[in-house]
C-alpha cells in the first residue's frame, strides 16, 4: 500500500527516499523528488519539477512549464512534459495535454522502445 502525502497549494519542496508514494502536490510551483519505487504524482497547476528514481511511475503535471526526469523504469506523464530517457530497458509513455510540450529522447542501446501519444 503506497504512502499518501498531501502538500499545500503554495510552493512546496518534498524529498523522499525509496518507497511507493501517492503525492498530491496541488497548485503552486512544486519540487518533488522521490527515490526508487512505484509512485503517482498529481502536481496540478504551476511550474513543477518532478524527479523520480527507478520504478513504475505515473505523473499528472497539470498546466504550467514542467520538468519531469527519471532514472529508468516504466513512466507515464500527462500535460506539459519534459522527459529525458537515459537508460536501457526504459518504457516511457507521454500524454501531452494543453500547452507547450517538449519530449527529448536520446539513446543508442539495443531493445530501446519509446511510445509517443
PDB file of N, CA and C in Angstrom:
ATOM      1  N   UNK A   1       0.846  -1.179   0.000  1.00  0.00           N
ATOM      2  CA  UNK A   1       0.000   0.000   0.000  1.00  0.00           C
ATOM      3  C   UNK A   1       0.892   1.242   0.000  1.00  0.00           C
ATOM      4  N   UNK A   2       0.739   2.127  -0.986  1.00  0.00           N
ATOM      5  CA  UNK A   2       1.586   3.328  -1.033  1.00  0.00           C
ATOM      6  C   UNK A   2       1.246   4.315   0.086  1.00  0.00           C
ATOM      7  N   UNK A   3       2.235   5.090   0.462  1.00  0.00           N
ATOM      8  CA  UNK A   3       2.060   6.155   1.439  1.00  0.00           C
ATOM      9  C   UNK A   3       1.540   7.392   0.721  1.00  0.00           C
ATOM     10  N   UNK A   4       0.456   8.002   1.211  1.00  0.00           N
ATOM     11  CA  UNK A   4      -0.105   9.211   0.605  1.00  0.00           C
ATOM     12  C   UNK A   4       0.450  10.437   1.321  1.00  0.00           C
ATOM     13  N   UNK A   5       0.940  11.405   0.519  1.00  0.00           N
ATOM     14  CA  UNK A   5       1.479  12.656   1.051  1.00  0.00           C
ATOM     15  C   UNK A   5       0.724  13.800   0.388  1.00  0.00           C
ATOM     16  N   UNK A   6       0.059  14.633   1.173  1.00  0.00           N
ATOM     17  CA  UNK A   6      -0.666  15.796   0.664  1.00  0.00           C
ATOM     18  C   UNK A   6       0.122  17.063   0.982  1.00  0.00           C
ATOM     19  N   UNK A   7       0.506  17.794  -0.066  1.00  0.00           N
ATOM     20  CA  UNK A   7       1.211  19.060   0.110  1.00  0.00           C
ATOM     21  C   UNK A   7       0.189  20.191   0.173  1.00  0.00           C
ATOM     22  N   UNK A   8       0.618  21.436   0.005  1.00  0.00           N
ATOM     23  CA  UNK A   8      -0.278  22.589   0.094  1.00  0.00           C
ATOM     24  C   UNK A   8      -0.502  23.188  -1.288  1.00  0.00           C
ATOM     25  N   UNK A   9      -1.274  24.255  -1.370  1.00  0.00           N
ATOM     26  CA  UNK A   9      -1.471  24.959  -2.643  1.00  0.00           C
ATOM     27  C   UNK A   9      -0.373  25.992  -2.869  1.00  0.00           C
ATOM     28  N   UNK A  10       0.592  26.084  -1.979  1.00  0.00           N
ATOM     29  CA  UNK A  10       1.724  27.001  -2.138  1.00  0.00           C
ATOM     30  C   UNK A  10       2.866  26.330  -2.879  1.00  0.00           C
ATOM     31  N   UNK A  11       4.039  26.939  -2.803  1.00  0.00           N
ATOM     32  CA  UNK A  11       5.245  26.401  -3.433  1.00  0.00           C
ATOM     33  C   UNK A  11       5.909  25.449  -2.441  1.00  0.00           C
ATOM     34  N   UNK A  12       5.879  24.154  -2.751  1.00  0.00           N
ATOM     35  CA  UNK A  12       6.360  23.135  -1.819  1.00  0.00           C
ATOM     36  C   UNK A  12       7.600  22.430  -2.346  1.00  0.00           C
ATOM     37  N   UNK A  13       8.421  21.935  -1.415  1.00  0.00           N
ATOM     38  CA  UNK A  13       9.578  21.104  -1.733  1.00  0.00           C
ATOM     39  C   UNK A  13       9.448  19.818  -0.921  1.00  0.00           C
ATOM     40  N   UNK A  14       9.467  18.675  -1.620  1.00  0.00           N
ATOM     41  CA  UNK A  14       9.363  17.375  -0.961  1.00  0.00           C
ATOM     42  C   UNK A  14      10.485  16.482  -1.462  1.00  0.00           C
ATOM     43  N   UNK A  15      11.231  15.882  -0.551  1.00  0.00           N
ATOM     44  CA  UNK A  15      12.260  14.904  -0.893  1.00  0.00           C
ATOM     45  C   UNK A  15      12.015  13.659  -0.057  1.00  0.00           C
ATOM     46  N   UNK A  16      11.805  12.527  -0.733  1.00  0.00           N
ATOM     47  CA  UNK A  16      11.554  11.254  -0.064  1.00  0.00           C
ATOM     48  C   UNK A  16      12.528  10.221  -0.612  1.00  0.00           C
ATOM     49  N   UNK A  17      12.890   9.247   0.188  1.00  0.00           N
ATOM     50  CA  UNK A  17      13.743   8.153  -0.253  1.00  0.00           C
ATOM     51  C   UNK A  17      12.950   7.114  -1.025  1.00  0.00           C
ATOM     52  N   UNK A  18      13.486   5.912  -1.088  1.00  0.00           N
ATOM     53  CA  UNK A  18      12.829   4.820  -1.798  1.00  0.00           C
ATOM     54  C   UNK A  18      11.511   4.456  -1.128  1.00  0.00           C
ATOM     55  N   UNK A  19      10.539   4.042  -1.943  1.00  0.00           N
ATOM     56  CA  UNK A  19       9.238   3.629  -1.435  1.00  0.00           C
ATOM     57  C   UNK A  19       8.157   3.889  -2.453  1.00  0.00           C
ATOM     58  N   UNK A  20       6.952   3.462  -2.140  1.00  0.00           N
ATOM     59  CA  UNK A  20       5.790   3.663  -3.008  1.00  0.00           C
ATOM     60  C   UNK A  20       4.964   4.805  -2.430  1.00  0.00           C
ATOM     61  N   UNK A  21       4.685   5.822  -3.265  1.00  0.00           N
ATOM     62  CA  UNK A  21       4.015   7.029  -2.784  1.00  0.00           C
ATOM     63  C   UNK A  21       2.894   7.458  -3.721  1.00  0.00           C
ATOM     64  N   UNK A  22       1.901   8.135  -3.158  1.00  0.00           N
ATOM     65  CA  UNK A  22       0.941   8.937  -3.898  1.00  0.00           C
ATOM     66  C   UNK A  22       1.131  10.346  -3.357  1.00  0.00           C
ATOM     67  N   UNK A  23       1.616  11.257  -4.214  1.00  0.00           N
ATOM     68  CA  UNK A  23       1.880  12.632  -3.797  1.00  0.00           C
ATOM     69  C   UNK A  23       0.865  13.542  -4.474  1.00  0.00           C
ATOM     70  N   UNK A  24       0.084  14.258  -3.680  1.00  0.00           N
ATOM     71  CA  UNK A  24      -0.859  15.261  -4.170  1.00  0.00           C
ATOM     72  C   UNK A  24      -0.249  16.625  -3.873  1.00  0.00           C
ATOM     73  N   UNK A  25       0.318  17.251  -4.923  1.00  0.00           N
ATOM     74  CA  UNK A  25       1.059  18.499  -4.724  1.00  0.00           C
ATOM     75  C   UNK A  25       0.177  19.733  -4.880  1.00  0.00           C
ATOM     76  N   UNK A  26      -0.978  19.605  -5.492  1.00  0.00           N
ATOM     77  CA  UNK A  26      -1.911  20.720  -5.679  1.00  0.00           C
ATOM     78  C   UNK A  26      -1.243  21.866  -6.443  1.00  0.00           C
ATOM     79  N   UNK A  27      -1.854  23.037  -6.432  1.00  0.00           N
ATOM     80  CA  UNK A  27      -1.342  24.174  -7.205  1.00  0.00           C
ATOM     81  C   UNK A  27      -0.062  24.708  -6.559  1.00  0.00           C
ATOM     82  N   UNK A  28       0.669  25.508  -7.328  1.00  0.00           N
ATOM     83  CA  UNK A  28       1.912  26.087  -6.831  1.00  0.00           C
ATOM     84  C   UNK A  28       3.084  25.574  -7.641  1.00  0.00           C
ATOM     85  N   UNK A  29       4.224  26.204  -7.459  1.00  0.00           N
ATOM     86  CA  UNK A  29       5.454  25.792  -8.128  1.00  0.00           C
ATOM     87  C   UNK A  29       6.166  24.817  -7.198  1.00  0.00           C
ATOM     88  N   UNK A  30       5.979  23.533  -7.459  1.00  0.00           N
ATOM     89  CA  UNK A  30       6.424  22.498  -6.535  1.00  0.00           C
ATOM     90  C   UNK A  30       7.651  21.762  -7.052  1.00  0.00           C
ATOM     91  N   UNK A  31       8.457  21.264  -6.112  1.00  0.00           N
ATOM     92  CA  UNK A  31       9.588  20.399  -6.411  1.00  0.00           C
ATOM     93  C   UNK A  31       9.398  19.109  -5.631  1.00  0.00           C
ATOM     94  N   UNK A  32       9.273  17.995  -6.360  1.00  0.00           N
ATOM     95  CA  UNK A  32       9.055  16.691  -5.728  1.00  0.00           C
ATOM     96  C   UNK A  32      10.151  15.746  -6.206  1.00  0.00           C
ATOM     97  N   UNK A  33      10.904  15.186  -5.262  1.00  0.00           N
ATOM     98  CA  UNK A  33      11.957  14.227  -5.569  1.00  0.00           C
ATOM     99  C   UNK A  33      11.665  12.943  -4.804  1.00  0.00           C
ATOM    100  N   UNK A  34      11.547  11.839  -5.551  1.00  0.00           N
ATOM    101  CA  UNK A  34      11.251  10.538  -4.948  1.00  0.00           C
ATOM    102  C   UNK A  34      12.325   9.543  -5.343  1.00  0.00           C
ATOM    103  N   UNK A  35      12.665   8.632  -4.446  1.00  0.00           N
ATOM    104  CA  UNK A  35      13.616   7.576  -4.757  1.00  0.00           C
ATOM    105  C   UNK A  35      12.964   6.485  -5.585  1.00  0.00           C
ATOM    106  N   UNK A  36      13.570   5.326  -5.600  1.00  0.00           N
ATOM    107  CA  UNK A  36      13.047   4.196  -6.359  1.00  0.00           C
ATOM    108  C   UNK A  36      11.765   3.677  -5.729  1.00  0.00           C
ATOM    109  N   UNK A  37      10.869   3.173  -6.580  1.00  0.00           N
ATOM    110  CA  UNK A  37       9.597   2.631  -6.120  1.00  0.00           C
ATOM    111  C   UNK A  37       8.547   2.790  -7.192  1.00  0.00           C
ATOM    112  N   UNK A  38       7.305   2.577  -6.827  1.00  0.00           N
ATOM    113  CA  UNK A  38       6.171   2.735  -7.739  1.00  0.00           C
ATOM    114  C   UNK A  38       5.309   3.861  -7.190  1.00  0.00           C
ATOM    115  N   UNK A  39       5.304   5.004  -7.887  1.00  0.00           N
ATOM    116  CA  UNK A  39       4.666   6.195  -7.322  1.00  0.00           C
ATOM    117  C   UNK A  39       3.756   6.901  -8.309  1.00  0.00           C
ATOM    118  N   UNK A  40       2.819   7.665  -7.751  1.00  0.00           N
ATOM    119  CA  UNK A  40       1.933   8.544  -8.507  1.00  0.00           C
ATOM    120  C   UNK A  40       2.139   9.954  -7.984  1.00  0.00           C
ATOM    121  N   UNK A  41       2.339  10.914  -8.908  1.00  0.00           N
ATOM    122  CA  UNK A  41       2.476  12.320  -8.526  1.00  0.00           C
ATOM    123  C   UNK A  41       1.395  13.111  -9.239  1.00  0.00           C
ATOM    124  N   UNK A  42       0.510  13.740  -8.481  1.00  0.00           N
ATOM    125  CA  UNK A  42      -0.526  14.627  -9.008  1.00  0.00           C
ATOM    126  C   UNK A  42      -0.092  16.050  -8.673  1.00  0.00           C
ATOM    127  N   UNK A  43       0.545  16.715  -9.651  1.00  0.00           N
ATOM    128  CA  UNK A  43       1.170  18.008  -9.370  1.00  0.00           C
ATOM    129  C   UNK A  43       0.223  19.183  -9.542  1.00  0.00           C
ATOM    130  N   UNK A  44      -0.802  19.063 -10.345  1.00  0.00           N
ATOM    131  CA  UNK A  44      -1.758  20.142 -10.584  1.00  0.00           C
ATOM    132  C   UNK A  44      -1.091  21.305 -11.305  1.00  0.00           C
ATOM    133  N   UNK A  45      -1.677  22.500 -11.218  1.00  0.00           N
ATOM    134  CA  UNK A  45      -1.183  23.653 -11.972  1.00  0.00           C
ATOM    135  C   UNK A  45       0.033  24.278 -11.292  1.00  0.00           C
ATOM    136  N   UNK A  46       0.865  24.904 -12.118  1.00  0.00           N
ATOM    137  CA  UNK A  46       2.077  25.547 -11.622  1.00  0.00           C
ATOM    138  C   UNK A  46       3.279  25.036 -12.387  1.00  0.00           C
ATOM    139  N   UNK A  47       4.413  25.659 -12.161  1.00  0.00           N
ATOM    140  CA  UNK A  47       5.667  25.248 -12.789  1.00  0.00           C
ATOM    141  C   UNK A  47       6.347  24.259 -11.849  1.00  0.00           C
ATOM    142  N   UNK A  48       6.213  22.982 -12.169  1.00  0.00           N
ATOM    143  CA  UNK A  48       6.640  21.925 -11.257  1.00  0.00           C
ATOM    144  C   UNK A  48       7.867  21.196 -11.773  1.00  0.00           C
ATOM    145  N   UNK A  49       8.692  20.715 -10.848  1.00  0.00           N
ATOM    146  CA  UNK A  49       9.833  19.869 -11.159  1.00  0.00           C
ATOM    147  C   UNK A  49       9.652  18.560 -10.410  1.00  0.00           C
ATOM    148  N   UNK A  50       9.557  17.471 -11.170  1.00  0.00           N
ATOM    149  CA  UNK A  50       9.353  16.148 -10.592  1.00  0.00           C
ATOM    150  C   UNK A  50      10.540  15.279 -10.986  1.00  0.00           C
ATOM    151  N   UNK A  51      11.160  14.634 -10.014  1.00  0.00           N
ATOM    152  CA  UNK A  51      12.286  13.742 -10.263  1.00  0.00           C
ATOM    153  C   UNK A  51      12.039  12.443  -9.510  1.00  0.00           C
ATOM    154  N   UNK A  52      12.134  11.315 -10.224  1.00  0.00           N
ATOM    155  CA  UNK A  52      11.863  10.019  -9.605  1.00  0.00           C
ATOM    156  C   UNK A  52      12.974   9.036  -9.928  1.00  0.00           C
ATOM    157  N   UNK A  53      13.177   8.071  -9.045  1.00  0.00           N
ATOM    158  CA  UNK A  53      14.164   7.030  -9.250  1.00  0.00           C
ATOM    159  C   UNK A  53      13.608   5.878 -10.056  1.00  0.00           C
ATOM    160  N   UNK A  54      14.326   4.772 -10.057  1.00  0.00           N
ATOM    161  CA  UNK A  54      13.932   3.584 -10.803  1.00  0.00           C
ATOM    162  C   UNK A  54      12.586   3.075 -10.296  1.00  0.00           C
ATOM    163  N   UNK A  55      11.726   2.647 -11.223  1.00  0.00           N
ATOM    164  CA  UNK A  55      10.436   2.081 -10.846  1.00  0.00           C
ATOM    165  C   UNK A  55       9.376   2.406 -11.861  1.00  0.00           C
ATOM    166  N   UNK A  56       8.134   2.118 -11.518  1.00  0.00           N
ATOM    167  CA  UNK A  56       6.987   2.403 -12.376  1.00  0.00           C
ATOM    168  C   UNK A  56       6.252   3.597 -11.788  1.00  0.00           C
ATOM    169  N   UNK A  57       6.150   4.670 -12.581  1.00  0.00           N
ATOM    170  CA  UNK A  57       5.609   5.928 -12.072  1.00  0.00           C
ATOM    171  C   UNK A  57       4.541   6.491 -13.004  1.00  0.00           C
ATOM    172  N   UNK A  58       3.589   7.216 -12.425  1.00  0.00           N
ATOM    173  CA  UNK A  58       2.596   7.984 -13.168  1.00  0.00           C
ATOM    174  C   UNK A  58       2.666   9.405 -12.649  1.00  0.00           C
ATOM    175  N   UNK A  59       2.674  10.382 -13.580  1.00  0.00           N
ATOM    176  CA  UNK A  59       2.680  11.786 -13.166  1.00  0.00           C
ATOM    177  C   UNK A  59       1.669  12.568 -13.979  1.00  0.00           C
ATOM    178  N   UNK A  60       0.780  13.278 -13.293  1.00  0.00           N
ATOM    179  CA  UNK A  60      -0.126  14.237 -13.913  1.00  0.00           C
ATOM    180  C   UNK A  60       0.400  15.606 -13.511  1.00  0.00           C
ATOM    181  N   UNK A  61       1.063  16.284 -14.457  1.00  0.00           N
ATOM    182  CA  UNK A  61       1.741  17.536 -14.138  1.00  0.00           C
ATOM    183  C   UNK A  61       0.843  18.751 -14.215  1.00  0.00           C
ATOM    184  N   UNK A  62      -0.350  18.629 -14.794  1.00  0.00           N
ATOM    185  CA  UNK A  62      -1.241  19.783 -14.891  1.00  0.00           C
ATOM    186  C   UNK A  62      -0.698  20.832 -15.843  1.00  0.00           C
ATOM    187  N   UNK A  63      -1.288  22.023 -15.801  1.00  0.00           N
ATOM    188  CA  UNK A  63      -0.844  23.114 -16.664  1.00  0.00           C
ATOM    189  C   UNK A  63       0.395  23.769 -16.068  1.00  0.00           C
ATOM    190  N   UNK A  64       1.220  24.311 -16.951  1.00  0.00           N
ATOM    191  CA  UNK A  64       2.415  25.014 -16.494  1.00  0.00           C
ATOM    192  C   UNK A  64       3.634  24.551 -17.256  1.00  0.00           C
ATOM    193  N   UNK A  65       4.765  25.151 -16.944  1.00  0.00           N
ATOM    194  CA  UNK A  65       6.046  24.773 -17.532  1.00  0.00           C
ATOM    195  C   UNK A  65       6.695  23.786 -16.571  1.00  0.00           C
ATOM    196  N   UNK A  66       6.642  22.517 -16.945  1.00  0.00           N
ATOM    197  CA  UNK A  66       7.033  21.460 -16.025  1.00  0.00           C
ATOM    198  C   UNK A  66       8.259  20.715 -16.510  1.00  0.00           C
ATOM    199  N   UNK A  67       9.003  20.172 -15.561  1.00  0.00           N
ATOM    200  CA  UNK A  67      10.151  19.314 -15.854  1.00  0.00           C
ATOM    201  C   UNK A  67       9.898  17.984 -15.157  1.00  0.00           C
ATOM    202  N   UNK A  68      10.037  16.901 -15.908  1.00  0.00           N
ATOM    203  CA  UNK A  68       9.878  15.560 -15.346  1.00  0.00           C
ATOM    204  C   UNK A  68      11.109  14.757 -15.718  1.00  0.00           C
ATOM    205  N   UNK A  69      11.836  14.244 -14.745  1.00  0.00           N
ATOM    206  CA  UNK A  69      13.027  13.453 -15.051  1.00  0.00           C
ATOM    207  C   UNK A  69      13.032  12.186 -14.210  1.00  0.00           C
ATOM    208  N   UNK A  70      13.678  11.153 -14.749  1.00  0.00           N
ATOM    209  CA  UNK A  70      13.695   9.866 -14.070  1.00  0.00           C
ATOM    210  C   UNK A  70      14.940   9.102 -14.434  1.00  0.00           C
ATOM    211  N   UNK A  71      15.256   8.108 -13.615  1.00  0.00           N
ATOM    212  CA  UNK A  71      16.421   7.271 -13.871  1.00  0.00           C
ATOM    213  C   UNK A  71      16.062   6.195 -14.880  1.00  0.00           C
ATOM    214  N   UNK A  72      15.112   5.334 -14.572  1.00  0.00           N
ATOM    215  CA  UNK A  72      14.619   4.334 -15.519  1.00  0.00           C
ATOM    216  C   UNK A  72      13.425   3.629 -14.909  1.00  0.00           C
ATOM    217  N   UNK A  73      12.757   2.834 -15.727  1.00  0.00           N
ATOM    218  CA  UNK A  73      11.549   2.153 -15.297  1.00  0.00           C
ATOM    219  C   UNK A  73      10.426   2.463 -16.258  1.00  0.00           C
ATOM    220  N   UNK A  74       9.204   2.170 -15.895  1.00  0.00           N
ATOM    221  CA  UNK A  74       8.044   2.496 -16.712  1.00  0.00           C
ATOM    222  C   UNK A  74       7.453   3.791 -16.182  1.00  0.00           C
ATOM    223  N   UNK A  75       7.301   4.781 -17.036  1.00  0.00           N
ATOM    224  CA  UNK A  75       6.833   6.092 -16.606  1.00  0.00           C
ATOM    225  C   UNK A  75       5.700   6.569 -17.490  1.00  0.00           C
ATOM    226  N   UNK A  76       4.688   7.139 -16.893  1.00  0.00           N
ATOM    227  CA  UNK A  76       3.589   7.749 -17.620  1.00  0.00           C
ATOM    228  C   UNK A  76       3.445   9.168 -17.112  1.00  0.00           C
ATOM    229  N   UNK A  77       3.403  10.134 -18.030  1.00  0.00           N
ATOM    230  CA  UNK A  77       3.223  11.520 -17.624  1.00  0.00           C
ATOM    231  C   UNK A  77       2.059  12.120 -18.387  1.00  0.00           C
ATOM    232  N   UNK A  78       1.519  13.193 -17.879  1.00  0.00           N
ATOM    233  CA  UNK A  78       0.398  13.852 -18.528  1.00  0.00           C
ATOM    234  C   UNK A  78       0.557  15.353 -18.387  1.00  0.00           C
ATOM    235  N   UNK A  79       0.418  16.070 -19.496  1.00  0.00           N
ATOM    236  CA  UNK A  79       0.383  17.535 -19.542  1.00  0.00           C
ATOM    237  C   UNK A  79       1.741  18.213 -19.326  1.00  0.00           C
ATOM    238  N   UNK A  80       2.170  19.008 -20.298  1.00  0.00           N
ATOM    239  CA  UNK A  80       3.322  19.889 -20.169  1.00  0.00           C
ATOM    240  C   UNK A  80       4.586  19.194 -19.730  1.00  0.00           C
ATOM    241  N   UNK A  81       5.071  18.236 -20.504  1.00  0.00           N
ATOM    242  CA  UNK A  81       6.094  17.339 -20.006  1.00  0.00           C
ATOM    243  C   UNK A  81       7.434  17.495 -20.707  1.00  0.00           C
ATOM    244  N   UNK A  82       8.519  17.453 -19.944  1.00  0.00           N
ATOM    245  CA  UNK A  82       9.878  17.289 -20.455  1.00  0.00           C
ATOM    246  C   UNK A  82      10.411  16.027 -19.809  1.00  0.00           C
ATOM    247  N   UNK A  83      10.738  15.021 -20.596  1.00  0.00           N
ATOM    248  CA  UNK A  83      11.161  13.753 -20.011  1.00  0.00           C
ATOM    249  C   UNK A  83      12.369  13.189 -20.741  1.00  0.00           C
ATOM    250  N   UNK A  84      13.565  13.305 -20.166  1.00  0.00           N
ATOM    251  CA  UNK A  84      14.732  12.693 -20.789  1.00  0.00           C
ATOM    252  C   UNK A  84      14.766  11.196 -20.515  1.00  0.00           C
ATOM    253  N   UNK A  85      15.150  10.422 -21.511  1.00  0.00           N
ATOM    254  CA  UNK A  85      15.287   8.979 -21.366  1.00  0.00           C
ATOM    255  C   UNK A  85      16.766   8.666 -21.461  1.00  0.00           C
ATOM    256  N   UNK A  86      17.341   8.044 -20.441  1.00  0.00           N
ATOM    257  CA  UNK A  86      18.781   7.865 -20.465  1.00  0.00           C
ATOM    258  C   UNK A  86      19.258   6.441 -20.232  1.00  0.00           C
ATOM    259  N   UNK A  87      18.424   5.538 -19.830  1.00  0.00           N
ATOM    260  CA  UNK A  87      18.885   4.196 -19.502  1.00  0.00           C
ATOM    261  C   UNK A  87      18.215   3.134 -20.361  1.00  0.00           C
ATOM    262  N   UNK A  88      18.923   2.005 -20.637  1.00  0.00           N
ATOM    263  CA  UNK A  88      18.313   0.919 -21.399  1.00  0.00           C
ATOM    264  C   UNK A  88      17.203   0.262 -20.596  1.00  0.00           C
ATOM    265  N   UNK A  89      16.238  -0.339 -21.304  1.00  0.00           N
ATOM    266  CA  UNK A  89      15.145  -1.037 -20.650  1.00  0.00           C
ATOM    267  C   UNK A  89      14.065  -0.127 -20.115  1.00  0.00           C
ATOM    268  N   UNK A  90      14.050   1.127 -20.551  1.00  0.00           N
ATOM    269  CA  UNK A  90      13.072   2.088 -20.060  1.00  0.00           C
ATOM    270  C   UNK A  90      11.858   2.113 -20.965  1.00  0.00           C
ATOM    271  N   UNK A  91      10.668   2.022 -20.382  1.00  0.00           N
ATOM    272  CA  UNK A  91       9.419   2.193 -21.112  1.00  0.00           C
ATOM    273  C   UNK A  91       8.858   3.547 -20.737  1.00  0.00           C
ATOM    274  N   UNK A  92       8.490   4.333 -21.730  1.00  0.00           N
ATOM    275  CA  UNK A  92       8.022   5.684 -21.471  1.00  0.00           C
ATOM    276  C   UNK A  92       6.778   5.965 -22.284  1.00  0.00           C
ATOM    277  N   UNK A  93       5.714   6.383 -21.631  1.00  0.00           N
ATOM    278  CA  UNK A  93       4.510   6.837 -22.305  1.00  0.00           C
ATOM    279  C   UNK A  93       4.246   8.259 -21.864  1.00  0.00           C
ATOM    280  N   UNK A  94       4.098   9.167 -22.831  1.00  0.00           N
ATOM    281  CA  UNK A  94       3.842  10.569 -22.523  1.00  0.00           C
ATOM    282  C   UNK A  94       2.517  10.966 -23.133  1.00  0.00           C
ATOM    283  N   UNK A  95       1.634  11.509 -22.313  1.00  0.00           N
ATOM    284  CA  UNK A  95       0.363  12.043 -22.788  1.00  0.00           C
ATOM    285  C   UNK A  95       0.452  13.549 -22.665  1.00  0.00           C
ATOM    286  N   UNK A  96       0.565  14.238 -23.796  1.00  0.00           N
ATOM    287  CA  UNK A  96       0.705  15.690 -23.771  1.00  0.00           C
ATOM    288  C   UNK A  96      -0.646  16.371 -23.817  1.00  0.00           C
ATOM    289  N   UNK A  97      -0.929  17.158 -22.813  1.00  0.00           N
ATOM    290  CA  UNK A  97      -2.177  17.911 -22.757  1.00  0.00           C
ATOM    291  C   UNK A  97      -2.005  19.282 -23.368  1.00  0.00           C
ATOM    292  N   UNK A  98      -2.812  20.244 -22.915  1.00  0.00           N
ATOM    293  CA  UNK A  98      -2.729  21.602 -23.445  1.00  0.00           C
ATOM    294  C   UNK A  98      -1.418  22.243 -23.013  1.00  0.00           C
ATOM    295  N   UNK A  99      -0.934  23.151 -23.834  1.00  0.00           N
ATOM    296  CA  UNK A  99       0.318  23.837 -23.519  1.00  0.00           C
ATOM    297  C   UNK A  99       1.434  23.380 -24.432  1.00  0.00           C
ATOM    298  N   UNK A 100       2.624  23.874 -24.168  1.00  0.00           N
ATOM    299  CA  UNK A 100       3.803  23.540 -24.955  1.00  0.00           C
ATOM    300  C   UNK A 100       4.503  22.350 -24.328  1.00  0.00           C
ATOM    301  N   UNK A 101       4.540  21.242 -25.070  1.00  0.00           N
ATOM    302  CA  UNK A 101       5.177  20.030 -24.571  1.00  0.00           C
ATOM    303  C   UNK A 101       6.522  19.841 -25.250  1.00  0.00           C
ATOM    304  N   UNK A 102       7.493  19.370 -24.492  1.00  0.00           N
ATOM    305  CA  UNK A 102       8.817  19.085 -25.042  1.00  0.00           C
ATOM    306  C   UNK A 102       9.185  17.667 -24.644  1.00  0.00           C
ATOM    307  N   UNK A 103       9.562  16.868 -25.650  1.00  0.00           N
ATOM    308  CA  UNK A 103       9.978  15.495 -25.399  1.00  0.00           C
ATOM    309  C   UNK A 103      11.357  15.317 -26.003  1.00  0.00           C
ATOM    310  N   UNK A 104      12.325  14.955 -25.182  1.00  0.00           N
ATOM    311  CA  UNK A 104      13.674  14.663 -25.661  1.00  0.00           C
ATOM    312  C   UNK A 104      13.930  13.177 -25.500  1.00  0.00           C
ATOM    313  N   UNK A 105      14.477  12.587 -26.553  1.00  0.00           N
ATOM    314  CA  UNK A 105      14.806  11.168 -26.497  1.00  0.00           C
ATOM    315  C   UNK A 105      16.214  10.992 -27.022  1.00  0.00           C
ATOM    316  N   UNK A 106      17.025  10.289 -26.285  1.00  0.00           N
ATOM    317  CA  UNK A 106      18.396  10.045 -26.706  1.00  0.00           C
ATOM    318  C   UNK A 106      18.809   8.680 -26.177  1.00  0.00           C
ATOM    319  N   UNK A 107      19.384   7.872 -27.041  1.00  0.00           N
ATOM    320  CA  UNK A 107      19.841   6.565 -26.588  1.00  0.00           C
ATOM    321  C   UNK A 107      20.305   5.722 -27.751  1.00  0.00           C
ATOM    322  N   UNK A 108      21.249   4.831 -27.503  1.00  0.00           N
ATOM    323  CA  UNK A 108      21.798   4.000 -28.564  1.00  0.00           C
ATOM    324  C   UNK A 108      21.769   2.518 -28.209  1.00  0.00           C
ATOM    325  N   UNK A 109      21.106   2.144 -27.137  1.00  0.00           N
ATOM    326  CA  UNK A 109      21.112   0.759 -26.699  1.00  0.00           C
ATOM    327  C   UNK A 109      20.131  -0.092 -27.506  1.00  0.00           C
ATOM    328  N   UNK A 110      20.464  -1.367 -27.649  1.00  0.00           N
ATOM    329  CA  UNK A 110      19.562  -2.303 -28.318  1.00  0.00           C
ATOM    330  C   UNK A 110      18.341  -2.536 -27.432  1.00  0.00           C
ATOM    331  N   UNK A 111      17.205  -2.813 -28.058  1.00  0.00           N
ATOM    332  CA  UNK A 111      15.988  -3.085 -27.301  1.00  0.00           C
ATOM    333  C   UNK A 111      15.380  -1.856 -26.666  1.00  0.00           C
ATOM    334  N   UNK A 112      15.596  -0.725 -27.272  1.00  0.00           N
ATOM    335  CA  UNK A 112      15.132   0.559 -26.740  1.00  0.00           C
ATOM    336  C   UNK A 112      13.820   0.921 -27.400  1.00  0.00           C
ATOM    337  N   UNK A 113      12.749   1.075 -26.639  1.00  0.00           N
ATOM    338  CA  UNK A 113      11.436   1.375 -27.190  1.00  0.00           C
ATOM    339  C   UNK A 113      10.871   2.626 -26.540  1.00  0.00           C
ATOM    340  N   UNK A 114      10.347   3.517 -27.368  1.00  0.00           N
ATOM    341  CA  UNK A 114       9.706   4.730 -26.860  1.00  0.00           C
ATOM    342  C   UNK A 114       8.383   4.893 -27.584  1.00  0.00           C
ATOM    343  N   UNK A 115       7.308   5.148 -26.839  1.00  0.00           N
ATOM    344  CA  UNK A 115       5.991   5.367 -27.413  1.00  0.00           C
ATOM    345  C   UNK A 115       5.574   6.802 -27.156  1.00  0.00           C
ATOM    346  N   UNK A 116       5.192   7.510 -28.223  1.00  0.00           N
ATOM    347  CA  UNK A 116       4.696   8.879 -28.096  1.00  0.00           C
ATOM    348  C   UNK A 116       3.215   8.892 -28.443  1.00  0.00           C
ATOM    349  N   UNK A 117       2.378   9.436 -27.577  1.00  0.00           N
ATOM    350  CA  UNK A 117       0.944   9.566 -27.849  1.00  0.00           C
ATOM    351  C   UNK A 117       0.576  11.024 -27.869  1.00  0.00           C
TER     352      UNK A 117
END
